[in-house]
């Protein structure tokens, strides 16, 4: 905030928030000061009315004094039951609002897929004229056309803000395009049933989540029926079996605030292990090993490359070493797909990708080979870099109230 001179702006925003909270609180206090005295008066007025009417009737000899007193006392005893009824009504209203939120989430999850939706003919992904704009922002994607063949390794590169992450979310079915279509096997990804979608495409972002429960619980989010042997194999594939075996209870170790706390790199390893267990046909990655140290990242990337052999891998490449080993490279600029081809072809073409490649290596020839130093492992894995959490099968909540699938 100091570097960009935002201190005054943030102080002003905080003061506006405090003023709004103060006004809301004062309005609440005003309503309480009006409501409660009105309720108390409503209890006293009927008793006063009974006494006045009873006194009038008693003066005329119509009723006895005891009958008037008894009627007033009986009416007074209604105060406590009425208070209890009002309390219960308030609790019911609060509970109803909470239930409406839960029910709304359930409906939203069911709405993301259509029951009995068509089965994709194959694993080919087609993006046709895809456009996307956020509610409070400009258009992020402006007519993207792309075809990803089954088993292909595709790297998506481009400057920050070019629309790479937004495109990855469309490819994974997390968001639906505002115009155009994104299909897998001829079926719109957004129309797939949630369970089928989770098995078709998994998005792994830079976020990473460790859920309350044991290590086994965290892994079985991706595959509930997986035996321990598969869990250990998945952990070994991402280099996490060593530290898990060192835990006091192994797979039964509790994670979270009340158990063992995991740092970002370990949380990311658990996330990648869930990817291995989910075994989707298409994996969309965005900085999958960003939080790992170079040595662990090299091991993890090589292991993922072996595990994901034959799978379709779409890697949002922030480091161009990832793009070098991909089958094709897609270049995004200002929400548009401007170049598409192999690494060698794009470098030879001398376009935007060639400029990025030369800038990355700090030379003018663009011929430097990746695979040296700390980035060696990055060049070896087509999966490149992805995130620490996953959606659609390994990262988003299951439909029907089951625990969320996160990778």
Protein backbone atom coordinates (compact mmCIF):
# COMPACT_ATOMS: atom_id res chain seq x y z
CA UNK A 1 0.00 0.00 0.00
CA UNK A 2 2.87 2.36 0.73
CA UNK A 3 4.54 1.62 -2.61
CA UNK A 4 1.41 2.53 -4.58
CA UNK A 5 0.24 5.29 -2.25
CA UNK A 6 -2.96 3.46 -1.32
CA UNK A 7 -2.91 4.21 2.41
CA UNK A 8 -5.32 7.13 2.20
CA UNK A 9 -7.69 5.22 -0.07
CA UNK A 10 -7.75 2.19 2.21
CA UNK A 11 -8.30 4.37 5.31
CA UNK A 12 -11.21 6.08 3.58
CA UNK A 13 -12.69 2.71 2.57
CA UNK A 14 -12.36 1.46 6.15
CA UNK A 15 -14.08 4.55 7.48
CA UNK A 16 -16.95 4.11 5.01
CA UNK A 17 -17.36 0.50 6.12
CA UNK A 18 -17.33 1.54 9.78
CA UNK A 19 -19.88 4.28 9.13
CA UNK A 20 -22.15 1.83 7.35
CA UNK A 21 -21.83 -0.66 10.21
CA UNK A 22 -22.57 2.11 12.71
CA UNK A 23 -25.69 3.22 10.81
CA UNK A 24 -26.93 -0.34 10.57
CA UNK A 25 -26.36 -0.92 14.27
CA UNK A 26 -28.16 2.29 15.24
CA UNK A 27 -31.10 1.37 13.02
CA UNK A 28 -31.27 -2.04 14.70
CA UNK A 29 -31.22 -0.43 18.14
CA UNK A 30 -34.00 1.93 17.08
CA UNK A 31 -36.16 -0.97 15.94
CA UNK A 32 -35.51 -2.79 19.21
CA UNK A 33 -36.37 0.33 21.23
CA UNK A 34 -39.70 0.55 19.39
CA UNK A 35 -40.60 -3.14 19.18
CA UNK A 36 -39.99 -4.27 22.74
CA UNK A 37 -41.88 -1.41 24.46
CA UNK A 38 -44.75 -2.04 22.04
CA UNK A 39 -44.78 -5.73 23.00
CA UNK A 40 -44.70 -4.90 26.71
CA UNK A 41 -47.57 -2.43 26.23
CA UNK A 42 -49.55 -5.05 24.38
CA UNK A 43 -49.34 -7.28 27.46
CA UNK A 44 -50.44 -4.52 29.86
CA UNK A 45 -53.27 -3.04 27.81
CA UNK A 46 -55.50 -6.17 27.81
CA UNK A 47 -55.12 -6.51 31.59
CA UNK A 48 -56.01 -2.85 32.05
CA UNK A 49 -59.01 -3.33 29.76
CA UNK A 50 -60.21 -6.35 31.76
CA UNK A 51 -59.91 -4.43 35.02
CA UNK A 52 -61.80 -1.43 33.62
CA UNK A 53 -64.54 -3.54 32.11
CA UNK A 54 -64.67 -5.79 35.19
CA UNK A 55 -64.91 -2.79 37.48
CA UNK A 56 -67.77 -1.39 35.41
CA UNK A 57 -69.63 -4.72 35.46
CA UNK A 58 -68.91 -5.25 39.17
CA UNK A 59 -70.30 -1.79 39.97
CA UNK A 60 -73.54 -2.82 38.24
CA UNK A 61 -73.57 -6.13 40.08
CA UNK A 62 -73.11 -8.19 36.92
CA UNK A 63 -69.95 -10.01 38.12
CA UNK A 64 -68.22 -10.59 41.42
CA UNK A 65 -64.93 -9.06 42.42
CA UNK A 66 -63.28 -12.50 42.46
CA UNK A 67 -64.30 -13.12 38.84
CA UNK A 68 -62.72 -9.81 37.77
CA UNK A 69 -59.45 -10.57 39.60
CA UNK A 70 -59.34 -14.14 38.27
CA UNK A 71 -59.85 -12.95 34.69
CA UNK A 72 -57.04 -10.38 35.05
CA UNK A 73 -54.64 -12.95 36.53
CA UNK A 74 -55.41 -15.53 33.83
CA UNK A 75 -54.80 -12.93 31.14
CA UNK A 76 -51.54 -11.92 32.79
CA UNK A 77 -50.34 -15.54 32.79
CA UNK A 78 -50.54 -15.57 28.99
CA UNK A 79 -47.48 -13.29 28.83
CA UNK A 80 -44.87 -16.05 29.28
CA UNK A 81 -46.33 -18.45 26.66
CA UNK A 82 -46.60 -15.58 24.18
CA UNK A 83 -42.94 -14.69 24.81
CA UNK A 84 -41.95 -18.32 24.14
CA UNK A 85 -43.96 -18.36 20.93
CA UNK A 86 -42.23 -15.17 19.72
CA UNK A 87 -38.82 -16.69 20.53
CA UNK A 88 -39.64 -19.84 18.62
CA UNK A 89 -40.86 -17.85 15.62
CA UNK A 90 -37.58 -15.92 15.59
CA UNK A 91 -35.57 -19.16 15.69
CA UNK A 92 -37.68 -20.64 12.91
CA UNK A 93 -37.06 -17.60 10.73
CA UNK A 94 -33.32 -17.77 11.35
CA UNK A 95 -33.26 -21.51 10.68
CA UNK A 96 -35.30 -21.04 7.53
CA UNK A 97 -32.79 -18.53 6.19
CA UNK A 98 -29.89 -20.90 6.93
CA UNK A 99 -31.68 -23.82 5.30
CA UNK A 100 -32.43 -21.68 2.24
CA UNK A 101 -28.71 -21.06 1.77
CA UNK A 102 -27.92 -24.77 2.00
CA UNK A 103 -30.77 -25.65 -0.33
CA UNK A 104 -29.59 -22.97 -2.77
CA UNK A 105 -26.14 -24.56 -2.93
CA UNK A 106 -27.71 -27.96 -3.64
CA UNK A 107 -29.81 -26.51 -6.45
CA UNK A 108 -26.79 -24.72 -7.90
CA UNK A 109 -24.83 -27.96 -8.01
CA UNK A 110 -27.64 -29.83 -9.71
CA UNK A 111 -28.07 -27.01 -12.18
CA UNK A 112 -24.47 -27.38 -13.37
CA UNK A 113 -25.36 -30.60 -15.13
CA UNK A 114 -28.46 -32.01 -16.73
CA UNK A 115 -29.76 -35.39 -15.61
CA UNK A 116 -29.54 -37.87 -18.46
CA UNK A 117 -27.22 -35.64 -20.45
CA UNK A 118 -25.67 -37.14 -23.62
CA UNK A 119 -22.51 -39.19 -23.30
CA UNK A 120 -19.49 -37.67 -25.08
CA UNK A 121 -18.54 -39.57 -28.21
CA UNK A 122 -14.81 -39.22 -27.48
CA UNK A 123 -12.35 -37.12 -25.49
CA UNK A 124 -11.84 -34.40 -28.10
CA UNK A 125 -12.34 -30.86 -26.76
CA UNK A 126 -13.57 -28.13 -29.11
CA UNK A 127 -13.75 -24.43 -28.29
CA UNK A 128 -15.82 -22.55 -30.86
CA UNK A 129 -16.16 -18.76 -30.72
CA UNK A 130 -15.91 -18.76 -26.92
CA UNK A 131 -16.44 -15.41 -25.23
CA UNK A 132 -16.52 -14.66 -21.53
CA UNK A 133 -17.06 -11.53 -19.48
CA UNK A 134 -17.29 -11.14 -15.71
CA UNK A 135 -20.28 -9.36 -14.22
CA UNK A 136 -18.33 -6.28 -13.19
CA UNK A 137 -15.64 -6.15 -15.83
CA UNK A 138 -14.89 -6.11 -19.50
CA UNK A 139 -14.73 -9.05 -21.86
CA UNK A 140 -11.92 -11.44 -20.91
CA UNK A 141 -12.18 -13.82 -23.88
CA UNK A 142 -13.08 -12.50 -27.31
CA UNK A 143 -13.95 -15.31 -29.71
CA UNK A 144 -11.49 -18.15 -28.99
CA UNK A 145 -11.40 -21.15 -31.35
CA UNK A 146 -9.34 -24.17 -30.31
CA UNK A 147 -9.35 -27.94 -30.73
CA UNK A 148 -7.54 -30.23 -28.27
CA UNK A 149 -7.04 -33.75 -29.56
CA UNK A 150 -7.23 -36.77 -27.21
CA UNK A 151 -3.89 -37.52 -25.61
CA UNK A 152 -2.40 -34.21 -26.69
CA UNK A 153 -0.13 -32.10 -24.52
CA UNK A 154 -1.06 -28.45 -25.01
CA UNK A 155 0.66 -25.49 -23.39
CA UNK A 156 -1.18 -22.17 -23.12
CA UNK A 157 1.15 -19.19 -22.81
CA UNK A 158 0.82 -15.44 -22.90
CA UNK A 159 1.28 -12.29 -20.82
CA UNK A 160 -0.56 -11.72 -17.56
CA UNK A 161 -4.22 -10.84 -18.09
CA UNK A 162 -4.37 -12.47 -21.52
CA UNK A 163 -7.20 -14.81 -20.46
CA UNK A 164 -5.25 -18.04 -19.87
CA UNK A 165 -6.80 -18.86 -16.50
CA UNK A 166 -10.29 -17.95 -17.72
CA UNK A 167 -9.86 -20.28 -20.70
CA UNK A 168 -8.74 -23.08 -18.38
CA UNK A 169 -11.90 -22.63 -16.29
CA UNK A 170 -14.06 -22.89 -19.41
CA UNK A 171 -12.21 -26.02 -20.54
CA UNK A 172 -12.85 -27.61 -17.13
CA UNK A 173 -16.54 -26.69 -17.09
CA UNK A 174 -16.19 -24.51 -13.99
CA UNK A 175 -17.64 -21.56 -15.92
CA UNK A 176 -19.80 -21.52 -19.04
CA UNK A 177 -18.97 -19.14 -21.91
CA UNK A 178 -21.21 -16.11 -22.29
CA UNK A 179 -21.16 -16.81 -26.03
CA UNK A 180 -19.89 -19.65 -28.20
CA UNK A 181 -19.43 -23.23 -27.02
CA UNK A 182 -16.95 -25.50 -25.26
CA UNK A 183 -17.64 -29.18 -25.97
CA UNK A 184 -16.09 -32.55 -25.19
CA UNK A 185 -16.99 -35.32 -27.60
CA UNK A 186 -19.65 -33.05 -29.11
CA UNK A 187 -21.39 -32.42 -25.76
CA UNK A 188 -21.21 -28.98 -24.04
CA UNK A 189 -19.00 -29.39 -20.99
CA UNK A 190 -21.33 -27.25 -18.87
CA UNK A 191 -24.23 -29.65 -19.62
CA UNK A 192 -22.46 -32.78 -18.38
CA UNK A 193 -23.69 -34.41 -15.20
CA UNK A 194 -21.40 -33.41 -12.31
CA UNK A 195 -20.15 -36.95 -11.71
CA UNK A 196 -19.36 -37.46 -15.40
CA UNK A 197 -17.75 -34.02 -15.58
CA UNK A 198 -15.45 -34.86 -12.68
CA UNK A 199 -14.31 -37.97 -14.52
CA UNK A 200 -13.87 -36.14 -17.83
CA UNK A 201 -11.92 -33.02 -16.86
CA UNK A 202 -10.06 -31.94 -13.73
CA UNK A 203 -8.87 -28.38 -13.18
CA UNK A 204 -5.88 -27.89 -10.92
CA UNK A 205 -5.30 -24.27 -9.91
CA UNK A 206 -2.78 -22.47 -7.76
CA UNK A 207 -5.11 -22.82 -4.77
CA UNK A 208 -4.60 -25.75 -2.45
CA UNK A 209 -6.83 -27.13 0.29
CA UNK A 210 -6.36 -29.52 3.18
CA UNK A 211 -9.69 -30.61 4.62
CA UNK A 212 -10.35 -31.47 8.25
CA UNK A 213 -9.86 -35.17 8.75
CA UNK A 214 -7.12 -37.73 8.28
CA UNK A 215 -4.65 -38.03 5.43
CA UNK A 216 -6.73 -40.96 4.18
CA UNK A 217 -9.88 -38.83 4.22
CA UNK A 218 -8.16 -36.08 2.24
CA UNK A 219 -7.01 -38.53 -0.42
CA UNK A 220 -10.26 -40.48 -0.69
CA UNK A 221 -12.11 -37.31 -1.64
CA UNK A 222 -10.93 -38.09 -5.18
CA UNK A 223 -11.65 -41.83 -5.03
CA UNK A 224 -13.75 -42.93 -2.01
CA UNK A 225 -13.24 -46.66 -2.66
CA UNK A 226 -9.46 -46.51 -3.12
CA UNK A 227 -7.60 -49.09 -0.97
CA UNK A 228 -4.57 -48.07 1.05
CA UNK A 229 -2.23 -49.53 -1.58
CA UNK A 230 -3.53 -47.06 -4.17
CA UNK A 231 -3.28 -44.22 -1.68
CA UNK A 232 0.38 -44.99 -1.00
CA UNK A 233 1.05 -45.34 -4.73
CA UNK A 234 -0.49 -41.92 -5.38
CA UNK A 235 1.58 -40.38 -2.57
CA UNK A 236 4.73 -42.00 -3.95
CA UNK A 237 3.98 -40.65 -7.43
CA UNK A 238 4.17 -37.08 -6.12
CA UNK A 239 6.97 -37.66 -3.62
CA UNK A 240 4.78 -37.33 -0.53
CA UNK A 241 5.02 -40.89 0.80
CA UNK A 242 8.18 -40.11 2.77
CA UNK A 243 6.79 -37.44 5.08
CA UNK A 244 3.43 -39.22 5.41
CA UNK A 245 5.19 -42.38 6.66
CA UNK A 246 7.04 -40.25 9.21
CA UNK A 247 3.74 -39.10 10.73
CA UNK A 248 2.82 -40.78 14.00
CA UNK A 249 -0.29 -42.50 12.62
CA UNK A 250 0.52 -42.51 8.91
CA UNK A 251 -2.62 -42.32 6.82
CA UNK A 252 -4.73 -42.07 9.98
CA UNK A 253 -3.01 -38.85 11.11
CA UNK A 254 -5.44 -35.99 11.69
CA UNK A 255 -4.75 -32.85 9.68
CA UNK A 256 -5.84 -29.30 10.37
CA UNK A 257 -5.93 -26.98 13.38
CA UNK A 258 -6.49 -29.83 15.86
CA UNK A 259 -3.92 -32.13 14.23
CA UNK A 260 -0.82 -31.85 12.06
CA UNK A 261 -0.54 -28.58 10.18
CA UNK A 262 0.68 -28.84 6.59
CA UNK A 263 2.61 -26.11 4.81
CA UNK A 264 1.90 -25.02 1.25
CA UNK A 265 4.21 -27.53 -0.43
CA UNK A 266 2.79 -30.53 1.45
CA UNK A 267 -0.76 -29.36 0.82
CA UNK A 268 0.09 -29.13 -2.87
CA UNK A 269 1.52 -32.66 -2.85
CA UNK A 270 -1.71 -33.96 -1.33
CA UNK A 271 -3.59 -32.09 -4.03
CA UNK A 272 -1.52 -33.69 -6.79
CA UNK A 273 -1.96 -37.11 -5.18
CA UNK A 274 -5.72 -36.61 -5.48
CA UNK A 275 -5.21 -35.88 -9.18
CA UNK A 276 -3.44 -39.23 -9.57
CA UNK A 277 -6.31 -40.99 -7.79
CA UNK A 278 -8.99 -39.19 -9.80
CA UNK A 279 -7.30 -40.32 -13.05
CA UNK A 280 -9.25 -38.02 -15.42
CA UNK A 281 -8.87 -38.23 -19.19
CA UNK A 282 -8.14 -34.49 -19.38
CA UNK A 283 -6.13 -32.50 -16.87
CA UNK A 284 -5.99 -28.71 -16.91
CA UNK A 285 -3.01 -27.43 -14.92
CA UNK A 286 -2.04 -24.00 -13.70
CA UNK A 287 1.22 -23.85 -11.69
CA UNK A 288 0.85 -27.34 -10.22
CA UNK A 289 4.30 -27.32 -8.62
CA UNK A 290 4.64 -23.60 -7.87
CA UNK A 291 4.91 -24.09 -4.09
CA UNK A 292 7.42 -26.97 -4.23
CA UNK A 293 11.16 -26.55 -3.94
CA UNK A 294 13.09 -27.16 -7.21
CA UNK A 295 14.26 -30.68 -6.33
CA UNK A 296 10.79 -31.83 -5.24
CA UNK A 297 9.24 -30.11 -8.24
CA UNK A 298 11.55 -32.00 -10.62
CA UNK A 299 10.66 -35.32 -9.04
CA UNK A 300 6.93 -34.53 -9.00
CA UNK A 301 6.85 -33.35 -12.61
CA UNK A 302 8.65 -36.44 -13.86
CA UNK A 303 6.33 -38.68 -11.86
CA UNK A 304 3.24 -36.86 -13.17
CA UNK A 305 4.52 -37.15 -16.73
CA UNK A 306 4.72 -40.94 -16.28
CA UNK A 307 1.36 -41.26 -14.50
CA UNK A 308 -0.44 -39.04 -17.02
CA UNK A 309 1.01 -40.76 -20.07
CA UNK A 310 -1.70 -41.03 -22.71
CA UNK A 311 -3.90 -38.45 -20.97
CA UNK A 312 -4.81 -35.06 -22.40
CA UNK A 313 -2.84 -32.39 -20.54
CA UNK A 314 -3.53 -28.67 -20.93
CA UNK A 315 -0.92 -26.66 -19.03
CA UNK A 316 -1.19 -22.93 -18.45
CA UNK A 317 2.53 -22.28 -18.75
CA UNK A 318 3.93 -19.37 -16.81
CA UNK A 319 7.44 -20.72 -17.39
CA UNK A 320 8.18 -21.37 -21.04
CA UNK A 321 10.18 -24.51 -20.30
CA UNK A 322 6.80 -26.18 -19.91
CA UNK A 323 5.81 -25.17 -23.43
CA UNK A 324 9.03 -26.55 -24.96
CA UNK A 325 8.05 -30.19 -24.47
CA UNK A 326 4.34 -29.78 -25.28
CA UNK A 327 2.94 -31.17 -28.52
CA UNK A 328 1.50 -27.76 -29.36
CA UNK A 329 1.63 -24.27 -27.92
CA UNK A 330 -1.32 -21.85 -27.88
CA UNK A 331 -0.50 -18.16 -27.46
CA UNK A 332 -3.11 -15.91 -25.80
CA UNK A 333 -3.06 -12.13 -26.16
CA UNK A 334 -5.78 -9.75 -24.96
CA UNK A 335 -8.36 -12.52 -24.77
CA UNK A 336 -7.64 -13.90 -28.24
CA UNK A 337 -5.77 -16.95 -29.52
CA UNK A 338 -3.13 -15.39 -31.76
CA UNK A 339 -0.73 -18.30 -32.45
CA UNK A 340 -1.00 -22.09 -32.41
CA UNK A 341 1.64 -24.62 -33.34
CA UNK A 342 4.67 -26.55 -32.14
CA UNK A 343 7.43 -24.88 -30.20
CA UNK A 344 9.90 -25.04 -33.08
CA UNK A 345 7.38 -23.73 -35.61
CA UNK A 346 6.39 -20.77 -33.45
CA UNK A 347 10.00 -19.86 -32.67
CA UNK A 348 10.82 -20.02 -36.40
CA UNK A 349 7.78 -17.86 -37.22
CA UNK A 350 9.24 -14.99 -35.22
CA UNK A 351 5.92 -13.91 -33.72
CA UNK A 352 4.75 -13.23 -30.19
CA UNK A 353 5.83 -16.63 -28.87
CA UNK A 354 9.31 -16.23 -30.33
CA UNK A 355 9.57 -12.85 -28.61
CA UNK A 356 8.46 -14.38 -25.30
CA UNK A 357 10.96 -17.19 -25.75
CA UNK A 358 13.85 -14.80 -26.43
CA UNK A 359 12.82 -12.63 -23.48
CA UNK A 360 12.66 -15.69 -21.24
CA UNK A 361 16.20 -16.72 -22.18
CA UNK A 362 17.54 -13.21 -22.37
CA UNK A 363 18.99 -13.66 -25.85
CA UNK A 364 18.11 -12.90 -29.46
CA UNK A 365 18.51 -16.32 -30.96
CA UNK A 366 15.74 -18.13 -29.17
CA UNK A 367 17.63 -21.41 -29.50
CA UNK A 368 18.56 -22.07 -25.91
CA UNK A 369 17.42 -25.45 -24.70
CA UNK A 370 15.58 -25.81 -21.41
CA UNK A 371 16.43 -28.49 -18.96
CA UNK A 372 19.27 -26.98 -17.02
CA UNK A 373 19.55 -25.84 -13.45
CA UNK A 374 16.46 -25.71 -11.29
CA UNK A 375 14.08 -25.80 -14.19
CA UNK A 376 15.24 -29.09 -15.62
CA UNK A 377 12.30 -31.02 -14.28
CA UNK A 378 9.88 -28.45 -15.63
CA UNK A 379 10.98 -29.15 -19.17
CA UNK A 380 10.54 -32.85 -18.76
CA UNK A 381 6.88 -32.92 -17.78
CA UNK A 382 4.18 -31.98 -20.19
CA UNK A 383 1.94 -31.31 -17.30
CA UNK A 384 4.15 -28.40 -16.43
CA UNK A 385 2.85 -26.18 -13.72
CA UNK A 386 -0.59 -26.35 -12.28
CA UNK A 387 -2.31 -25.48 -9.07
CA UNK A 388 -2.55 -26.98 -5.71
CA UNK A 389 -6.30 -27.48 -5.66
CA UNK A 390 -8.69 -29.01 -8.07
CA UNK A 391 -12.27 -28.67 -9.15
CA UNK A 392 -14.58 -30.87 -11.06
CA UNK A 393 -13.73 -34.15 -9.58
CA UNK A 394 -10.79 -33.34 -7.50
CA UNK A 395 -11.56 -29.91 -6.27
CA UNK A 396 -15.18 -28.86 -6.13
CA UNK A 397 -17.86 -29.98 -3.74
CA UNK A 398 -19.61 -33.18 -4.59
CA UNK A 399 -23.24 -32.96 -5.53
CA UNK A 400 -25.77 -34.16 -3.07
CA UNK A 401 -24.02 -32.99 0.06
CA UNK A 402 -20.91 -35.19 -0.01
CA UNK A 403 -17.54 -33.72 1.00
CA UNK A 404 -15.97 -31.41 -1.53
CA UNK A 405 -13.58 -32.88 -4.05
CA UNK A 406 -10.43 -30.82 -4.03
CA UNK A 407 -7.01 -31.47 -5.34
